[in-house]
């Protein structure tokens, strides 16, 4: 086997991304501190044609050199918006008929491997702060809580890794 060169990958450009049909998945970043994590989420969102990213609270916004370093230009392709208050955003998205999902360790959480996204509703995936997680009021207001099963000694995954795992899982189930 031979590795493919970038020009052989047949990727769309930014204009093509803007025109492409999007996955019915929205990502909400609730008070993320790490600029590298934010950039990495943009790159994952680009890979799966995510409809939009909401950057909430203290989550930094592009343009920023540390976001750009990991996003590699995905801040130009993926639609995003900054919102000060995550709860107000959740209420607005709920009113719009979206299914609100916090990705968190919580009582009665659905394990990701057991989750089946509804194909007729937009899935709003909320990821929380690197230390405190998703704010409790946001978890309480969610329609569902997803938990990524883990079997080692650590209690959590890096937020950018969590986004990759959950988005891939939801995307693949929606496109099955």
Protein backbone atom coordinates (compact mmCIF):
# COMPACT_ATOMS: atom_id res chain seq x y z
CA UNK A 1 0.00 0.00 0.00
CA UNK A 2 1.00 3.57 -0.66
CA UNK A 3 0.02 6.60 1.38
CA UNK A 4 -2.06 9.10 -0.56
CA UNK A 5 -0.80 12.61 -1.13
CA UNK A 6 -3.06 15.51 -0.07
CA UNK A 7 -3.92 16.34 -3.67
CA UNK A 8 -5.20 12.76 -4.16
CA UNK A 9 -7.72 13.02 -1.31
CA UNK A 10 -10.36 14.82 -3.41
CA UNK A 11 -11.45 17.19 -0.64
CA UNK A 12 -13.83 20.09 -1.17
CA UNK A 13 -12.66 23.68 -0.76
CA UNK A 14 -14.17 26.22 1.67
CA UNK A 15 -16.74 27.35 -0.91
CA UNK A 16 -17.71 23.72 -1.53
CA UNK A 17 -18.05 23.17 2.22
CA UNK A 18 -20.36 26.18 2.55
CA UNK A 19 -22.57 24.79 -0.25
CA UNK A 20 -22.51 21.14 0.91
CA UNK A 21 -25.40 19.54 2.77
CA UNK A 22 -24.59 19.51 6.47
CA UNK A 23 -24.94 16.83 9.11
CA UNK A 24 -27.87 17.53 11.45
CA UNK A 25 -25.37 17.97 14.30
CA UNK A 26 -24.60 21.17 16.18
CA UNK A 27 -21.72 21.44 18.64
CA UNK A 28 -21.87 23.67 21.72
CA UNK A 29 -18.68 24.41 23.64
CA UNK A 30 -19.57 25.45 27.19
CA UNK A 31 -16.75 27.56 28.69
CA UNK A 32 -13.77 25.79 27.11
CA UNK A 33 -10.43 27.21 28.27
CA UNK A 34 -7.91 25.63 25.88
CA UNK A 35 -7.48 27.37 22.57
CA UNK A 36 -5.90 24.22 21.14
CA UNK A 37 -9.00 22.22 22.10
CA UNK A 38 -11.22 24.79 20.41
CA UNK A 39 -9.17 24.60 17.21
CA UNK A 40 -9.24 20.83 17.28
CA UNK A 41 -13.05 20.87 17.59
CA UNK A 42 -13.26 23.09 14.50
CA UNK A 43 -11.18 20.57 12.58
CA UNK A 44 -13.40 17.67 13.67
CA UNK A 45 -16.50 19.69 12.78
CA UNK A 46 -15.11 20.32 9.30
CA UNK A 47 -14.38 16.61 8.80
CA UNK A 48 -18.01 15.63 9.44
CA UNK A 49 -19.79 18.61 7.79
CA UNK A 50 -21.16 19.82 11.12
CA UNK A 51 -23.84 22.48 10.72
CA UNK A 52 -22.53 24.92 13.32
CA UNK A 53 -20.40 25.41 16.43
CA UNK A 54 -21.56 27.66 19.26
CA UNK A 55 -18.76 29.06 21.40
CA UNK A 56 -20.26 29.94 24.79
CA UNK A 57 -19.12 31.92 27.81
CA UNK A 58 -15.34 32.17 28.14
CA UNK A 59 -14.73 29.99 25.07
CA UNK A 60 -12.36 31.99 22.84
CA UNK A 61 -13.32 32.98 19.31
CA UNK A 62 -11.41 33.01 16.06
CA UNK A 63 -9.28 34.62 14.85
CA UNK A 64 -6.61 33.59 17.33
CA UNK A 65 -3.23 32.13 16.47
CA UNK A 66 -3.57 29.24 18.97
CA UNK A 67 -7.00 28.26 17.61
CA UNK A 68 -5.70 28.57 14.06
CA UNK A 69 -2.70 26.35 14.87
CA UNK A 70 -4.92 23.30 15.47
CA UNK A 71 -7.92 24.27 13.31
CA UNK A 72 -5.75 24.48 10.17
CA UNK A 73 -8.25 26.74 8.42
CA UNK A 74 -11.45 25.03 9.59
CA UNK A 75 -12.55 28.29 11.23
CA UNK A 76 -13.08 29.54 7.66
CA UNK A 77 -15.29 26.62 6.61
CA UNK A 78 -17.38 25.79 9.69
CA UNK A 79 -20.12 28.24 10.68
CA UNK A 80 -19.75 29.45 14.25
CA UNK A 81 -21.25 31.96 16.62
CA UNK A 82 -20.29 33.23 20.06
CA UNK A 83 -23.05 33.30 22.68
CA UNK A 84 -22.46 34.65 26.18
CA UNK A 85 -25.03 32.50 28.00
CA UNK A 86 -25.17 28.75 27.31
CA UNK A 87 -28.59 28.38 28.99
CA UNK A 88 -30.20 31.03 26.78
CA UNK A 89 -28.78 29.24 23.74
CA UNK A 90 -30.12 25.89 24.96
CA UNK A 91 -33.58 27.41 25.44
CA UNK A 92 -33.47 28.95 21.95
CA UNK A 93 -32.36 25.68 20.31
CA UNK A 94 -35.03 23.71 22.22
CA UNK A 95 -37.70 26.11 20.98
CA UNK A 96 -36.39 25.43 17.47
CA UNK A 97 -37.09 21.70 17.89
CA UNK A 98 -33.52 20.53 18.49
CA UNK A 99 -32.66 17.52 20.68
CA UNK A 100 -30.35 18.85 23.43
CA UNK A 101 -27.65 16.45 24.60
CA UNK A 102 -25.04 17.10 27.25
CA UNK A 103 -21.97 14.90 27.04
CA UNK A 104 -21.26 14.30 30.69
CA UNK A 105 -21.06 11.72 33.46
CA UNK A 106 -24.44 11.95 35.17
CA UNK A 107 -27.15 9.90 36.79
CA UNK A 108 -29.26 8.07 34.22
CA UNK A 109 -26.88 8.99 31.39
CA UNK A 110 -27.17 6.95 28.20
CA UNK A 111 -23.95 5.19 27.27
CA UNK A 112 -22.78 6.33 23.86
CA UNK A 113 -22.68 2.80 22.46
CA UNK A 114 -26.39 2.42 23.36
CA UNK A 115 -27.46 5.79 21.94
CA UNK A 116 -29.40 6.03 18.68
CA UNK A 117 -29.89 9.59 17.39
CA UNK A 118 -33.29 10.52 16.01
CA UNK A 119 -32.93 11.06 12.28
CA UNK A 120 -35.71 13.66 12.17
CA UNK A 121 -34.20 16.12 14.70
CA UNK A 122 -31.05 18.14 14.88
CA UNK A 123 -28.70 16.80 17.53
CA UNK A 124 -27.13 19.48 19.73
CA UNK A 125 -24.04 18.05 21.44
CA UNK A 126 -22.84 20.10 24.43
CA UNK A 127 -19.28 19.68 25.68
CA UNK A 128 -18.10 21.31 28.89
CA UNK A 129 -15.18 22.94 30.57
CA UNK A 130 -12.00 20.89 30.93
CA UNK A 131 -12.24 20.89 34.74
CA UNK A 132 -15.90 21.45 35.66
CA UNK A 133 -17.60 19.81 32.68
CA UNK A 134 -20.99 20.94 31.39
CA UNK A 135 -22.68 23.36 33.81
CA UNK A 136 -25.31 21.63 35.99
CA UNK A 137 -28.14 23.94 34.86
CA UNK A 138 -27.35 23.00 31.25
CA UNK A 139 -27.28 19.28 32.11
CA UNK A 140 -30.64 19.67 33.88
CA UNK A 141 -32.16 21.44 30.87
CA UNK A 142 -30.91 18.80 28.42
CA UNK A 143 -33.23 16.25 26.84
CA UNK A 144 -30.60 13.59 27.29
CA UNK A 145 -27.13 13.04 28.70
CA UNK A 146 -24.58 10.89 26.87
CA UNK A 147 -21.63 9.28 28.57
CA UNK A 148 -18.62 7.84 26.79
CA UNK A 149 -17.89 4.43 28.36
CA UNK A 150 -14.39 4.27 29.83
CA UNK A 151 -12.63 1.29 31.32
CA UNK A 152 -9.27 2.55 32.63
CA UNK A 153 -8.26 4.45 35.75
CA UNK A 154 -8.93 7.99 34.47
CA UNK A 155 -12.27 9.70 34.88
CA UNK A 156 -12.43 11.63 31.63
CA UNK A 157 -11.08 12.20 28.14
CA UNK A 158 -9.69 15.43 26.74
CA UNK A 159 -12.55 17.52 25.40
CA UNK A 160 -11.26 17.47 21.82
CA UNK A 161 -11.00 13.67 21.98
CA UNK A 162 -14.54 13.47 23.42
CA UNK A 163 -15.86 15.59 20.56
CA UNK A 164 -14.17 13.33 18.01
CA UNK A 165 -15.54 10.15 19.59
CA UNK A 166 -19.12 11.42 20.01
CA UNK A 167 -19.38 13.19 16.66
CA UNK A 168 -18.03 10.15 14.79
CA UNK A 169 -20.46 7.86 16.62
CA UNK A 170 -23.51 10.09 15.96
CA UNK A 171 -22.47 10.82 12.37
CA UNK A 172 -21.97 7.15 11.56
CA UNK A 173 -25.33 6.17 13.10
CA UNK A 174 -27.15 8.96 11.26
CA UNK A 175 -25.55 7.88 7.97
CA UNK A 176 -25.98 4.12 8.43
